[in-house]
Protein backbone atom coordinates (compact mmCIF):
# COMPACT_ATOMS: atom_id res chain seq x y z
CA UNK A 1 65.52 12.32 48.85
CA UNK A 2 68.79 11.54 50.65
CA UNK A 3 69.44 13.58 53.75
CA UNK A 4 72.40 16.00 53.75
CA UNK A 5 72.78 15.26 57.46
CA UNK A 6 75.10 12.34 56.73
CA UNK A 7 78.22 13.92 55.14
CA UNK A 8 80.31 10.81 55.46
CA UNK A 9 82.29 10.61 52.21
CA UNK A 10 83.05 14.33 52.18
CA UNK A 11 84.36 14.15 55.75
CA UNK A 12 86.87 11.42 55.05
CA UNK A 13 87.90 12.83 51.68
CA UNK A 14 88.54 16.37 52.87
CA UNK A 15 90.48 15.23 55.92
CA UNK A 16 92.74 12.94 53.93
CA UNK A 17 93.26 15.36 51.07
CA UNK A 18 94.32 18.06 53.53
CA UNK A 19 97.16 15.81 54.59
CA UNK A 20 98.05 14.71 51.07
CA UNK A 21 98.04 18.05 49.27
CA UNK A 22 100.62 19.66 51.55
CA UNK A 23 103.00 16.70 51.51
CA UNK A 24 105.98 16.30 49.14
CA UNK A 25 105.16 14.48 45.91
CA UNK A 26 107.15 11.41 46.97
CA UNK A 27 105.12 11.14 50.13
CA UNK A 28 101.80 11.20 48.32
CA UNK A 29 101.90 7.46 47.65
CA UNK A 30 101.65 6.64 51.34
CA UNK A 31 98.67 4.53 52.31
CA UNK A 32 96.41 6.23 54.84
CA UNK A 33 94.22 4.23 57.19
CA UNK A 34 91.13 6.14 58.29
CA UNK A 35 88.72 5.07 60.97
CA UNK A 36 85.00 5.00 60.38
CA UNK A 37 84.80 7.91 62.82
CA UNK A 38 85.62 10.10 59.85
CA UNK A 39 83.23 8.18 57.65
CA UNK A 40 80.47 9.01 60.10
CA UNK A 41 81.37 12.69 59.92
CA UNK A 42 83.32 12.96 63.19
CA UNK A 43 86.88 13.41 61.94
CA UNK A 44 89.23 15.34 64.25
CA UNK A 45 90.59 18.68 63.13
CA UNK A 46 94.31 19.37 63.72
CA UNK A 47 95.25 22.25 66.04
CA UNK A 48 95.47 25.68 64.43
CA UNK A 49 98.90 26.36 62.99
CA UNK A 50 99.76 22.73 62.31
CA UNK A 51 101.77 22.49 59.03
CA UNK A 52 99.63 21.06 56.26
CA UNK A 53 102.17 18.34 55.51
CA UNK A 54 101.97 17.15 59.11
CA UNK A 55 98.20 16.91 59.27
CA UNK A 56 96.75 13.41 59.43
CA UNK A 57 93.88 11.49 60.91
CA UNK A 58 94.30 10.14 64.46
CA UNK A 59 96.22 6.89 64.57
CA UNK A 60 94.44 5.51 67.62
CA UNK A 61 91.49 3.19 67.13
CA UNK A 62 88.27 4.87 68.28
CA UNK A 63 85.40 3.20 70.05
CA UNK A 64 82.10 2.17 68.52
CA UNK A 65 79.90 4.75 66.80
CA UNK A 66 76.21 4.72 67.70
CA UNK A 67 76.87 1.28 69.19
CA UNK A 68 78.30 -0.18 65.96
CA UNK A 69 81.81 -1.67 65.64
CA UNK A 70 84.33 0.54 63.84
CA UNK A 71 85.82 -0.85 60.62
CA UNK A 72 88.83 0.70 58.90
CA UNK A 73 89.14 1.94 55.35
CA UNK A 74 92.48 1.84 53.53
CA UNK A 75 92.89 4.24 50.63
CA UNK A 76 95.81 5.62 48.67
CA UNK A 77 96.43 9.24 47.82
CA UNK A 78 96.16 8.35 44.13
CA UNK A 79 92.68 6.92 44.69
CA UNK A 80 91.62 10.00 46.61
CA UNK A 81 92.69 12.38 43.88
CA UNK A 82 90.66 10.41 41.35
CA UNK A 83 87.58 10.08 43.54
CA UNK A 84 87.40 13.51 45.17
CA UNK A 85 85.04 15.05 42.64
CA UNK A 86 82.75 12.02 42.46
CA UNK A 87 82.53 11.71 46.25
CA UNK A 88 82.16 15.34 47.24
CA UNK A 89 81.03 17.68 44.49
CA UNK A 90 78.60 15.34 42.73
CA UNK A 91 77.34 13.18 45.57
CA UNK A 92 74.07 15.00 46.19
CA UNK A 93 73.43 15.42 42.47
CA UNK A 94 74.13 11.73 41.87
CA UNK A 95 71.83 10.61 44.68
CA UNK A 96 69.04 12.89 43.49
CA UNK A 97 69.41 11.58 39.94
CA UNK A 98 69.45 7.95 41.11
CA UNK A 99 66.40 8.42 43.33
CA UNK A 100 64.40 9.86 40.43
CA UNK A 101 65.87 7.54 37.79
CA UNK A 102 62.63 5.60 37.20
CA UNK A 103 59.71 7.79 36.11
CA UNK A 104 56.35 7.42 37.84
CA UNK A 105 53.04 7.19 35.97
CA UNK A 106 49.86 9.17 36.60
CA UNK A 107 48.44 6.69 39.12
CA UNK A 108 51.59 6.90 41.23
CA UNK A 109 51.70 10.67 41.01
CA UNK A 110 48.06 10.86 42.09
CA UNK A 111 48.69 8.55 45.05
CA UNK A 112 51.75 10.59 45.99
CA UNK A 113 49.71 13.82 45.90
CA UNK A 114 47.09 12.26 48.17
CA UNK A 115 49.80 11.22 50.62
CA UNK A 116 51.23 14.72 50.80
CA UNK A 117 47.74 16.19 51.25
CA UNK A 118 47.16 13.80 54.17
CA UNK A 119 50.46 14.75 55.78
CA UNK A 120 52.04 11.39 55.02
CA UNK A 121 55.54 10.72 53.73
CA UNK A 122 55.38 8.14 50.94
CA UNK A 123 58.38 6.16 49.77
CA UNK A 124 60.64 7.99 47.35
CA UNK A 125 60.58 7.06 43.65
CA UNK A 126 63.97 5.40 44.08
CA UNK A 127 62.78 3.33 47.02
CA UNK A 128 59.70 2.31 45.07
CA UNK A 129 61.81 1.28 42.10
CA UNK A 130 63.99 -0.91 44.35
CA UNK A 131 60.91 -2.56 45.88
CA UNK A 132 59.49 -3.25 42.42
CA UNK A 133 62.79 -4.76 41.30
CA UNK A 134 63.07 -6.93 44.42
CA UNK A 135 59.56 -8.31 43.91
CA UNK A 136 60.36 -9.08 40.29
CA UNK A 137 63.64 -10.76 41.25
CA UNK A 138 61.84 -12.93 43.81
CA UNK A 139 59.00 -13.67 41.36
CA UNK A 140 56.91 -12.75 44.38
CA UNK A 141 53.42 -14.19 44.67
CA UNK A 142 52.63 -13.20 48.26
CA UNK A 143 53.78 -9.90 49.81
CA UNK A 144 52.81 -8.36 53.15
CA UNK A 145 52.94 -4.60 53.63
CA UNK A 146 52.86 -2.79 56.98
CA UNK A 147 51.64 0.74 56.30
CA UNK A 148 49.35 1.02 53.28
CA UNK A 149 49.39 4.80 53.14
CA UNK A 150 47.72 6.00 49.96
CA UNK A 151 49.13 3.20 47.82
CA UNK A 152 52.45 4.55 46.55
CA UNK A 153 54.56 1.66 47.81
CA UNK A 154 51.77 -0.81 47.05
CA UNK A 155 51.72 0.12 43.36
CA UNK A 156 55.46 -0.49 43.17
CA UNK A 157 55.17 -3.82 44.99
CA UNK A 158 52.30 -5.02 42.81
CA UNK A 159 54.15 -3.84 39.71
CA UNK A 160 56.99 -6.25 40.43
CA UNK A 161 54.91 -9.21 41.58
CA UNK A 162 53.59 -12.06 39.46
CA UNK A 163 50.34 -11.35 37.58
CA UNK A 164 48.51 -13.65 40.00
CA UNK A 165 50.30 -12.30 43.09
CA UNK A 166 48.40 -10.89 46.07
CA UNK A 167 49.48 -7.99 48.26
CA UNK A 168 48.28 -8.11 51.87
CA UNK A 169 48.45 -4.57 53.21
CA UNK A 170 47.79 -3.42 56.77
CA UNK A 171 47.08 0.10 58.04
CA UNK A 172 45.37 1.74 60.98
CA UNK A 173 43.69 4.34 58.72
CA UNK A 174 40.82 2.96 56.59
CA UNK A 175 40.48 6.31 54.81
CA UNK A 176 44.04 6.01 53.50
CA UNK A 177 43.35 2.46 52.40
CA UNK A 178 40.42 3.75 50.36
CA UNK A 179 42.79 6.09 48.52
CA UNK A 180 45.06 3.10 47.93
CA UNK A 181 42.17 1.09 46.44
CA UNK A 182 41.52 3.88 43.96
CA UNK A 183 45.21 4.19 43.15
CA UNK A 184 45.55 0.44 42.53
CA UNK A 185 42.51 0.50 40.26
CA UNK A 186 43.89 3.49 38.34
CA UNK A 187 47.20 1.64 37.97
CA UNK A 188 45.38 -1.26 36.30
CA UNK A 189 45.42 -3.84 39.11
CA UNK A 190 42.35 -6.02 39.60
CA UNK A 191 40.56 -5.76 42.94
CA UNK A 192 41.55 -9.33 43.89
CA UNK A 193 45.25 -8.45 43.69
CA UNK A 194 45.18 -6.67 47.07
CA UNK A 195 43.82 -7.67 50.46
CA UNK A 196 43.26 -4.66 52.72
CA UNK A 197 43.25 -5.28 56.47
CA UNK A 198 42.54 -2.33 58.78
CA UNK A 199 44.13 -2.44 62.23
CA UNK A 200 47.43 -2.39 64.11
CA UNK A 201 50.12 -4.44 62.45
CA UNK A 202 51.02 -6.23 65.67
CA UNK A 203 47.40 -7.36 66.01
CA UNK A 204 47.13 -8.49 62.38
CA UNK A 205 50.51 -10.10 61.64
CA UNK A 206 50.12 -13.00 64.12
CA UNK A 207 47.07 -14.11 62.10
CA UNK A 208 49.06 -14.45 58.86
CA UNK A 209 50.46 -17.81 57.75
CA UNK A 210 53.93 -18.96 58.79
CA UNK A 211 56.38 -19.11 55.88
CA UNK A 212 53.71 -17.93 53.47
CA UNK A 213 55.31 -14.73 52.16
CA UNK A 214 58.04 -13.86 49.69
CA UNK A 215 58.56 -10.31 50.95
CA UNK A 216 57.48 -8.24 53.95
CA UNK A 217 57.71 -4.47 53.59
CA UNK A 218 57.62 -2.48 56.83
CA UNK A 219 56.71 1.20 56.73
CA UNK A 220 54.77 1.50 59.96
CA UNK A 221 55.45 2.70 63.49
CA UNK A 222 59.18 3.18 64.00
CA UNK A 223 58.80 2.24 67.65
CA UNK A 224 57.67 -1.26 66.64
CA UNK A 225 60.45 -2.18 64.22
CA UNK A 226 61.91 -4.98 66.33
CA UNK A 227 58.47 -6.53 66.72
CA UNK A 228 57.91 -6.28 62.95
CA UNK A 229 61.24 -8.02 62.45
CA UNK A 230 60.28 -10.92 64.71
CA UNK A 231 56.97 -11.38 62.90
CA UNK A 232 58.63 -11.07 59.49
CA UNK A 233 61.09 -13.86 60.26
CA UNK A 234 58.11 -16.10 61.00
CA UNK A 235 56.17 -15.03 57.90
CA UNK A 236 58.97 -15.33 55.34
CA UNK A 237 59.85 -18.43 53.40
CA UNK A 238 63.57 -19.28 53.11
CA UNK A 239 65.02 -16.89 50.55
CA UNK A 240 62.31 -14.33 51.30
CA UNK A 241 63.08 -10.70 52.00
CA UNK A 242 62.20 -8.22 54.74
CA UNK A 243 62.57 -4.47 54.06
CA UNK A 244 62.30 -1.50 56.42
CA UNK A 245 61.75 2.01 55.08
CA UNK A 246 63.13 5.21 56.65
CA UNK A 247 65.81 3.69 58.88
CA UNK A 248 68.20 6.63 58.47
CA UNK A 249 65.67 9.08 59.97
CA UNK A 250 66.98 12.04 57.97
CA UNK A 251 70.52 11.17 59.00
CA UNK A 252 69.87 11.09 62.74
CA UNK A 253 70.43 7.34 63.02
CA UNK A 254 74.16 7.75 62.35
CA UNK A 255 74.65 11.03 64.22
CA UNK A 256 76.33 11.03 67.62
CA UNK A 257 74.82 12.58 70.71
CA UNK A 258 71.41 12.22 72.34
CA UNK A 259 68.58 11.33 69.97
CA UNK A 260 64.81 10.82 70.31
CA UNK A 261 63.70 7.41 71.49
CA UNK A 262 62.40 6.47 68.02
CA UNK A 263 65.90 7.01 66.60
CA UNK A 264 67.35 4.83 69.35
CA UNK A 265 64.84 2.16 68.37
CA UNK A 266 65.89 2.46 64.73
CA UNK A 267 69.52 1.94 65.74
CA UNK A 268 68.48 -1.19 67.62
CA UNK A 269 66.63 -2.41 64.53
CA UNK A 270 69.60 -1.77 62.22
CA UNK A 271 71.87 -3.64 64.62
CA UNK A 272 69.42 -6.53 64.97
CA UNK A 273 69.10 -7.01 61.21
CA UNK A 274 72.82 -6.78 60.67
CA UNK A 275 73.67 -9.22 63.45
CA UNK A 276 70.84 -11.71 62.92
CA UNK A 277 72.13 -15.19 62.00
CA UNK A 278 68.87 -15.71 60.12
CA UNK A 279 69.38 -12.85 57.66
CA UNK A 280 71.76 -11.67 54.96
CA UNK A 281 71.60 -7.89 55.52
CA UNK A 282 71.98 -4.82 53.34
CA UNK A 283 71.33 -1.10 53.86
CA UNK A 284 70.36 0.47 50.53
CA UNK A 285 70.97 4.26 50.32
CA UNK A 286 67.72 5.25 48.60
CA UNK A 287 65.10 7.60 49.98
CA UNK A 288 65.56 7.75 53.75
CA UNK A 289 67.35 4.41 53.89
CA UNK A 290 65.99 0.97 52.96
CA UNK A 291 67.15 -1.77 55.33
CA UNK A 292 66.85 -5.25 53.83
CA UNK A 293 67.53 -8.79 54.93
CA UNK A 294 67.25 -12.08 53.03
CA UNK A 295 65.88 -14.97 55.09
CA UNK A 296 68.40 -17.80 55.22
């Protein structure tokens, strides 16, 4: 479920509409340029007593946010009036609807229940649906998964793969992998469709074949994301896809101020994927953030 800790669209909309609503009608067609500081939820408030018509966003260009360059967004007052309701009032409802858009069957629900009972956080239904779609789009035959859990993400991955495709899934907890075996069987997948490898991902991944995978899904230790990325680039064929789950960290990745070291590591991962010359990047706003990159 998307985190409410990232109120970006509402921040920019409210700040701009404050300026627009108090201005004369003729002035409402002016084009307003807003920095991504507001998009990140750090817009500046005008001093108390400032006339509404005079309120505007700062004109100076701010520095980077969380280490990322600051783009600008140009919008018109007319666009804002039309988009205000969609961006603010219905955003959370829309995200919730989108994340639950694809229904899950009994096998998935059982695997999800086992994950919650074990204190794990499985991928959201929306994230699973995206993974299934990506595997189907790639016509994936070989997929590697870091973090088996109880099989929620694995069922989605297998569901999108070719009928003869094999999922190689790695986890440090053999007990969880046993739950995943049962979940895969309940979902109708033959035993030879999944290869379970217990152990640390960074010990297992170097043993996998170079260029032998269509997709690598990473849902393991957040402190090891950069290492997973390096291994994934080696494992993927050209046109293959690497995906990282949970990169928004409940909104903390894009918040300013001191953050735990694992959040700092996630920021480094996001930056590395976005700036890598070997990847075509995308950050998909499902679940807790799905960071993807297509291998060039």
